[in-house]
Amino acid sequence: MFGVNDGDKTYLNRQGIDAALVKLKQIAGQMQKMKSRGGLALVELGELEITTYALDSYNRA
């Protein structure tokens, strides 16, 4: 995803590493947000992702 393909080799240069670090920071921010909401549930049907919601938002009483 971040590397440069060159035949049978893939190189991860400085530019690719910088791009990966930016993406990792974005993911870390999203994970912190999910953590603050108590976690996340993903509803799936087969391979189809239907919806997500905070773990503590659904309370069957």
PDB file of N, CA and C in Angstrom:
ATOM      1  N   MET A   1       0.818  -1.193   0.000  1.00  0.00           N
ATOM      2  CA  MET A   1       0.000   0.000   0.000  1.00  0.00           C
ATOM      3  C   MET A   1       0.869   1.267   0.000  1.00  0.00           C
ATOM      4  N   PHE A   2       1.976   1.237   0.717  1.00  0.00           N
ATOM      5  CA  PHE A   2       2.823   2.418   0.820  1.00  0.00           C
ATOM      6  C   PHE A   2       4.150   2.253   0.096  1.00  0.00           C
ATOM      7  N   GLY A   3       4.405   1.049  -0.377  1.00  0.00           N
ATOM      8  CA  GLY A   3       5.675   0.773  -1.025  1.00  0.00           C
ATOM      9  C   GLY A   3       5.646   1.069  -2.513  1.00  0.00           C
ATOM     10  N   VAL A   4       6.821   1.015  -3.112  1.00  0.00           N
ATOM     11  CA  VAL A   4       6.989   1.221  -4.546  1.00  0.00           C
ATOM     12  C   VAL A   4       7.339  -0.126  -5.160  1.00  0.00           C
ATOM     13  N   ASN A   5       6.492  -0.617  -6.079  1.00  0.00           N
ATOM     14  CA  ASN A   5       6.748  -1.898  -6.738  1.00  0.00           C
ATOM     15  C   ASN A   5       7.794  -1.735  -7.819  1.00  0.00           C
ATOM     16  N   ASP A   6       8.753  -2.662  -7.839  1.00  0.00           N
ATOM     17  CA  ASP A   6       9.811  -2.669  -8.850  1.00  0.00           C
ATOM     18  C   ASP A   6      10.067  -4.116  -9.237  1.00  0.00           C
ATOM     19  N   GLY A   7       9.225  -4.622 -10.116  1.00  0.00           N
ATOM     20  CA  GLY A   7       9.372  -6.020 -10.533  1.00  0.00           C
ATOM     21  C   GLY A   7       9.028  -6.962  -9.401  1.00  0.00           C
ATOM     22  N   ASP A   8      10.014  -7.758  -8.979  1.00  0.00           N
ATOM     23  CA  ASP A   8       9.773  -8.730  -7.922  1.00  0.00           C
ATOM     24  C   ASP A   8      10.118  -8.186  -6.542  1.00  0.00           C
ATOM     25  N   LYS A   9      10.340  -6.871  -6.456  1.00  0.00           N
ATOM     26  CA  LYS A   9      10.681  -6.244  -5.180  1.00  0.00           C
ATOM     27  C   LYS A   9       9.727  -5.091  -4.900  1.00  0.00           C
ATOM     28  N   THR A  10       9.530  -4.809  -3.643  1.00  0.00           N
ATOM     29  CA  THR A  10       8.781  -3.628  -3.226  1.00  0.00           C
ATOM     30  C   THR A  10       9.636  -2.862  -2.233  1.00  0.00           C
ATOM     31  N   TYR A  11       9.820  -1.582  -2.507  1.00  0.00           N
ATOM     32  CA  TYR A  11      10.635  -0.738  -1.653  1.00  0.00           C
ATOM     33  C   TYR A  11       9.746   0.150  -0.797  1.00  0.00           C
ATOM     34  N   LEU A  12      10.121   0.317   0.453  1.00  0.00           N
ATOM     35  CA  LEU A  12       9.452   1.260   1.324  1.00  0.00           C
ATOM     36  C   LEU A  12      10.437   2.393   1.583  1.00  0.00           C
ATOM     37  N   ASN A  13      10.260   3.482   0.825  1.00  0.00           N
ATOM     38  CA  ASN A  13      11.177   4.607   0.944  1.00  0.00           C
ATOM     39  C   ASN A  13      10.670   5.596   1.994  1.00  0.00           C
ATOM     40  N   ARG A  14      11.375   6.704   2.153  1.00  0.00           N
ATOM     41  CA  ARG A  14      11.003   7.705   3.164  1.00  0.00           C
ATOM     42  C   ARG A  14       9.594   8.243   2.935  1.00  0.00           C
ATOM     43  N   GLN A  15       9.251   8.471   1.688  1.00  0.00           N
ATOM     44  CA  GLN A  15       7.932   8.993   1.363  1.00  0.00           C
ATOM     45  C   GLN A  15       6.837   7.998   1.769  1.00  0.00           C
ATOM     46  N   GLY A  16       7.061   6.729   1.491  1.00  0.00           N
ATOM     47  CA  GLY A  16       6.115   5.685   1.875  1.00  0.00           C
ATOM     48  C   GLY A  16       5.999   5.555   3.385  1.00  0.00           C
ATOM     49  N   ILE A  17       7.115   5.647   4.072  1.00  0.00           N
ATOM     50  CA  ILE A  17       7.119   5.570   5.536  1.00  0.00           C
ATOM     51  C   ILE A  17       6.361   6.755   6.125  1.00  0.00           C
ATOM     52  N   ASP A  18       6.588   7.958   5.579  1.00  0.00           N
ATOM     53  CA  ASP A  18       5.853   9.134   6.044  1.00  0.00           C
ATOM     54  C   ASP A  18       4.351   8.963   5.834  1.00  0.00           C
ATOM     55  N   ALA A  19       3.956   8.441   4.672  1.00  0.00           N
ATOM     56  CA  ALA A  19       2.539   8.216   4.386  1.00  0.00           C
ATOM     57  C   ALA A  19       1.944   7.191   5.356  1.00  0.00           C
ATOM     58  N   ALA A  20       2.691   6.137   5.661  1.00  0.00           N
ATOM     59  CA  ALA A  20       2.232   5.123   6.604  1.00  0.00           C
ATOM     60  C   ALA A  20       2.078   5.709   8.005  1.00  0.00           C
ATOM     61  N   LEU A  21       3.026   6.550   8.406  1.00  0.00           N
ATOM     62  CA  LEU A  21       2.945   7.173   9.730  1.00  0.00           C
ATOM     63  C   LEU A  21       1.734   8.092   9.842  1.00  0.00           C
ATOM     64  N   VAL A  22       1.412   8.818   8.789  1.00  0.00           N
ATOM     65  CA  VAL A  22       0.222   9.676   8.779  1.00  0.00           C
ATOM     66  C   VAL A  22      -1.027   8.814   8.956  1.00  0.00           C
ATOM     67  N   LYS A  23      -1.099   7.717   8.206  1.00  0.00           N
ATOM     68  CA  LYS A  23      -2.254   6.821   8.291  1.00  0.00           C
ATOM     69  C   LYS A  23      -2.361   6.204   9.680  1.00  0.00           C
ATOM     70  N   LEU A  24      -1.236   5.807  10.259  1.00  0.00           N
ATOM     71  CA  LEU A  24      -1.243   5.230  11.608  1.00  0.00           C
ATOM     72  C   LEU A  24      -1.741   6.229  12.643  1.00  0.00           C
ATOM     73  N   LYS A  25      -1.367   7.504  12.483  1.00  0.00           N
ATOM     74  CA  LYS A  25      -1.852   8.542  13.402  1.00  0.00           C
ATOM     75  C   LYS A  25      -3.364   8.709  13.273  1.00  0.00           C
ATOM     76  N   GLN A  26      -3.879   8.640  12.042  1.00  0.00           N
ATOM     77  CA  GLN A  26      -5.319   8.727  11.818  1.00  0.00           C
ATOM     78  C   GLN A  26      -6.037   7.554  12.486  1.00  0.00           C
ATOM     79  N   ILE A  27      -5.496   6.367  12.313  1.00  0.00           N
ATOM     80  CA  ILE A  27      -6.093   5.163  12.915  1.00  0.00           C
ATOM     81  C   ILE A  27      -6.048   5.262  14.432  1.00  0.00           C
ATOM     82  N   ALA A  28      -4.934   5.729  14.981  1.00  0.00           N
ATOM     83  CA  ALA A  28      -4.803   5.873  16.438  1.00  0.00           C
ATOM     84  C   ALA A  28      -5.856   6.837  16.972  1.00  0.00           C
ATOM     85  N   GLY A  29      -6.101   7.927  16.263  1.00  0.00           N
ATOM     86  CA  GLY A  29      -7.127   8.884  16.679  1.00  0.00           C
ATOM     87  C   GLY A  29      -8.510   8.269  16.661  1.00  0.00           C
ATOM     88  N   GLN A  30      -8.807   7.484  15.616  1.00  0.00           N
ATOM     89  CA  GLN A  30     -10.099   6.806  15.525  1.00  0.00           C
ATOM     90  C   GLN A  30     -10.259   5.781  16.652  1.00  0.00           C
ATOM     91  N   MET A  31      -9.187   5.076  16.963  1.00  0.00           N
ATOM     92  CA  MET A  31      -9.234   4.080  18.036  1.00  0.00           C
ATOM     93  C   MET A  31      -9.459   4.743  19.393  1.00  0.00           C
ATOM     94  N   GLN A  32      -8.827   5.906  19.626  1.00  0.00           N
ATOM     95  CA  GLN A  32      -9.035   6.632  20.881  1.00  0.00           C
ATOM     96  C   GLN A  32     -10.496   7.057  21.012  1.00  0.00           C
ATOM     97  N   LYS A  33     -11.080   7.503  19.908  1.00  0.00           N
ATOM     98  CA  LYS A  33     -12.487   7.909  19.908  1.00  0.00           C
ATOM     99  C   LYS A  33     -13.389   6.709  20.227  1.00  0.00           C
ATOM    100  N   MET A  34     -13.108   5.552  19.617  1.00  0.00           N
ATOM    101  CA  MET A  34     -13.883   4.341  19.893  1.00  0.00           C
ATOM    102  C   MET A  34     -13.725   3.919  21.349  1.00  0.00           C
ATOM    103  N   LYS A  35     -12.509   4.020  21.869  1.00  0.00           N
ATOM    104  CA  LYS A  35     -12.248   3.651  23.264  1.00  0.00           C
ATOM    105  C   LYS A  35     -13.041   4.537  24.211  1.00  0.00           C
ATOM    106  N   SER A  36     -13.097   5.838  23.930  1.00  0.00           N
ATOM    107  CA  SER A  36     -13.821   6.756  24.802  1.00  0.00           C
ATOM    108  C   SER A  36     -15.320   6.479  24.798  1.00  0.00           C
ATOM    109  N   ARG A  37     -15.805   5.829  23.766  1.00  0.00           N
ATOM    110  CA  ARG A  37     -17.225   5.472  23.678  1.00  0.00           C
ATOM    111  C   ARG A  37     -17.497   4.071  24.228  1.00  0.00           C
ATOM    112  N   GLY A  38     -16.494   3.435  24.787  1.00  0.00           N
ATOM    113  CA  GLY A  38     -16.683   2.120  25.392  1.00  0.00           C
ATOM    114  C   GLY A  38     -16.486   0.955  24.458  1.00  0.00           C
ATOM    115  N   GLY A  39     -16.012   1.195  23.265  1.00  0.00           N
ATOM    116  CA  GLY A  39     -15.800   0.130  22.294  1.00  0.00           C
ATOM    117  C   GLY A  39     -16.757   0.279  21.128  1.00  0.00           C
ATOM    118  N   LEU A  40     -16.730  -0.675  20.223  1.00  0.00           N
ATOM    119  CA  LEU A  40     -17.509  -0.592  18.996  1.00  0.00           C
ATOM    120  C   LEU A  40     -18.027  -1.965  18.629  1.00  0.00           C
ATOM    121  N   ALA A  41     -19.267  -2.011  18.159  1.00  0.00           N
ATOM    122  CA  ALA A  41     -19.848  -3.258  17.642  1.00  0.00           C
ATOM    123  C   ALA A  41     -20.067  -3.088  16.142  1.00  0.00           C
ATOM    124  N   LEU A  42     -19.762  -4.120  15.385  1.00  0.00           N
ATOM    125  CA  LEU A  42     -19.965  -4.130  13.941  1.00  0.00           C
ATOM    126  C   LEU A  42     -20.993  -5.200  13.617  1.00  0.00           C
ATOM    127  N   VAL A  43     -22.062  -4.810  12.928  1.00  0.00           N
ATOM    128  CA  VAL A  43     -23.106  -5.749  12.524  1.00  0.00           C
ATOM    129  C   VAL A  43     -22.829  -6.155  11.084  1.00  0.00           C
ATOM    130  N   GLU A  44     -22.749  -7.476  10.854  1.00  0.00           N
ATOM    131  CA  GLU A  44     -22.436  -8.000   9.531  1.00  0.00           C
ATOM    132  C   GLU A  44     -23.466  -9.041   9.115  1.00  0.00           C
ATOM    133  N   LEU A  45     -23.634  -9.181   7.826  1.00  0.00           N
ATOM    134  CA  LEU A  45     -24.432 -10.249   7.244  1.00  0.00           C
ATOM    135  C   LEU A  45     -23.559 -10.876   6.170  1.00  0.00           C
ATOM    136  N   GLY A  46     -22.975 -12.021   6.490  1.00  0.00           N
ATOM    137  CA  GLY A  46     -21.996 -12.613   5.584  1.00  0.00           C
ATOM    138  C   GLY A  46     -20.774 -11.710   5.529  1.00  0.00           C
ATOM    139  N   GLU A  47     -20.433 -11.264   4.327  1.00  0.00           N
ATOM    140  CA  GLU A  47     -19.305 -10.343   4.173  1.00  0.00           C
ATOM    141  C   GLU A  47     -19.750  -8.890   4.085  1.00  0.00           C
ATOM    142  N   LEU A  48     -21.053  -8.648   4.180  1.00  0.00           N
ATOM    143  CA  LEU A  48     -21.608  -7.299   4.087  1.00  0.00           C
ATOM    144  C   LEU A  48     -21.610  -6.641   5.460  1.00  0.00           C
ATOM    145  N   GLU A  49     -20.941  -5.491   5.564  1.00  0.00           N
ATOM    146  CA  GLU A  49     -20.927  -4.731   6.809  1.00  0.00           C
ATOM    147  C   GLU A  49     -22.134  -3.805   6.800  1.00  0.00           C
ATOM    148  N   ILE A  50     -23.030  -3.969   7.789  1.00  0.00           N
ATOM    149  CA  ILE A  50     -24.295  -3.245   7.786  1.00  0.00           C
ATOM    150  C   ILE A  50     -24.214  -1.937   8.557  1.00  0.00           C
ATOM    151  N   THR A  51     -23.761  -1.990   9.804  1.00  0.00           N
ATOM    152  CA  THR A  51     -23.684  -0.789  10.629  1.00  0.00           C
ATOM    153  C   THR A  51     -22.722  -0.999  11.783  1.00  0.00           C
ATOM    154  N   THR A  52     -22.391   0.083  12.464  1.00  0.00           N
ATOM    155  CA  THR A  52     -21.598   0.024  13.689  1.00  0.00           C
ATOM    156  C   THR A  52     -22.284   0.884  14.739  1.00  0.00           C
ATOM    157  N   TYR A  53     -22.021   0.558  15.997  1.00  0.00           N
ATOM    158  CA  TYR A  53     -22.535   1.376  17.096  1.00  0.00           C
ATOM    159  C   TYR A  53     -21.652   1.176  18.310  1.00  0.00           C
ATOM    160  N   ALA A  54     -21.717   2.158  19.227  1.00  0.00           N
ATOM    161  CA  ALA A  54     -20.939   2.075  20.462  1.00  0.00           C
ATOM    162  C   ALA A  54     -21.448   0.896  21.293  1.00  0.00           C
ATOM    163  N   LEU A  55     -20.537   0.166  21.918  1.00  0.00           N
ATOM    164  CA  LEU A  55     -20.910  -1.027  22.680  1.00  0.00           C
ATOM    165  C   LEU A  55     -21.925  -0.748  23.769  1.00  0.00           C
ATOM    166  N   ASP A  56     -21.788   0.361  24.458  1.00  0.00           N
ATOM    167  CA  ASP A  56     -22.687   0.641  25.572  1.00  0.00           C
ATOM    168  C   ASP A  56     -23.948   1.416  25.155  1.00  0.00           C
ATOM    169  N   SER A  57     -24.209   1.545  23.847  1.00  0.00           N
ATOM    170  CA  SER A  57     -25.379   2.300  23.384  1.00  0.00           C
ATOM    171  C   SER A  57     -26.624   1.435  23.266  1.00  0.00           C
ATOM    172  N   TYR A  58     -26.459   0.110  23.226  1.00  0.00           N
ATOM    173  CA  TYR A  58     -27.583  -0.794  23.072  1.00  0.00           C
ATOM    174  C   TYR A  58     -27.806  -1.543  24.360  1.00  0.00           C
ATOM    175  N   ASN A  59     -28.944  -1.329  24.981  1.00  0.00           N
ATOM    176  CA  ASN A  59     -29.246  -1.976  26.250  1.00  0.00           C
ATOM    177  C   ASN A  59     -30.623  -2.611  26.168  1.00  0.00           C
ATOM    178  N   ARG A  60     -30.661  -3.912  26.009  1.00  0.00           N
ATOM    179  CA  ARG A  60     -31.911  -4.630  25.913  1.00  0.00           C
ATOM    180  C   ARG A  60     -32.451  -4.830  27.326  1.00  0.00           C
ATOM    181  N   ALA A  61     -33.532  -4.154  27.650  1.00  0.00           N
ATOM    182  CA  ALA A  61     -34.088  -4.228  29.006  1.00  0.00           C
ATOM    183  C   ALA A  61     -35.380  -4.992  29.048  1.00  0.00           C
TER     184      ALA A  61
END
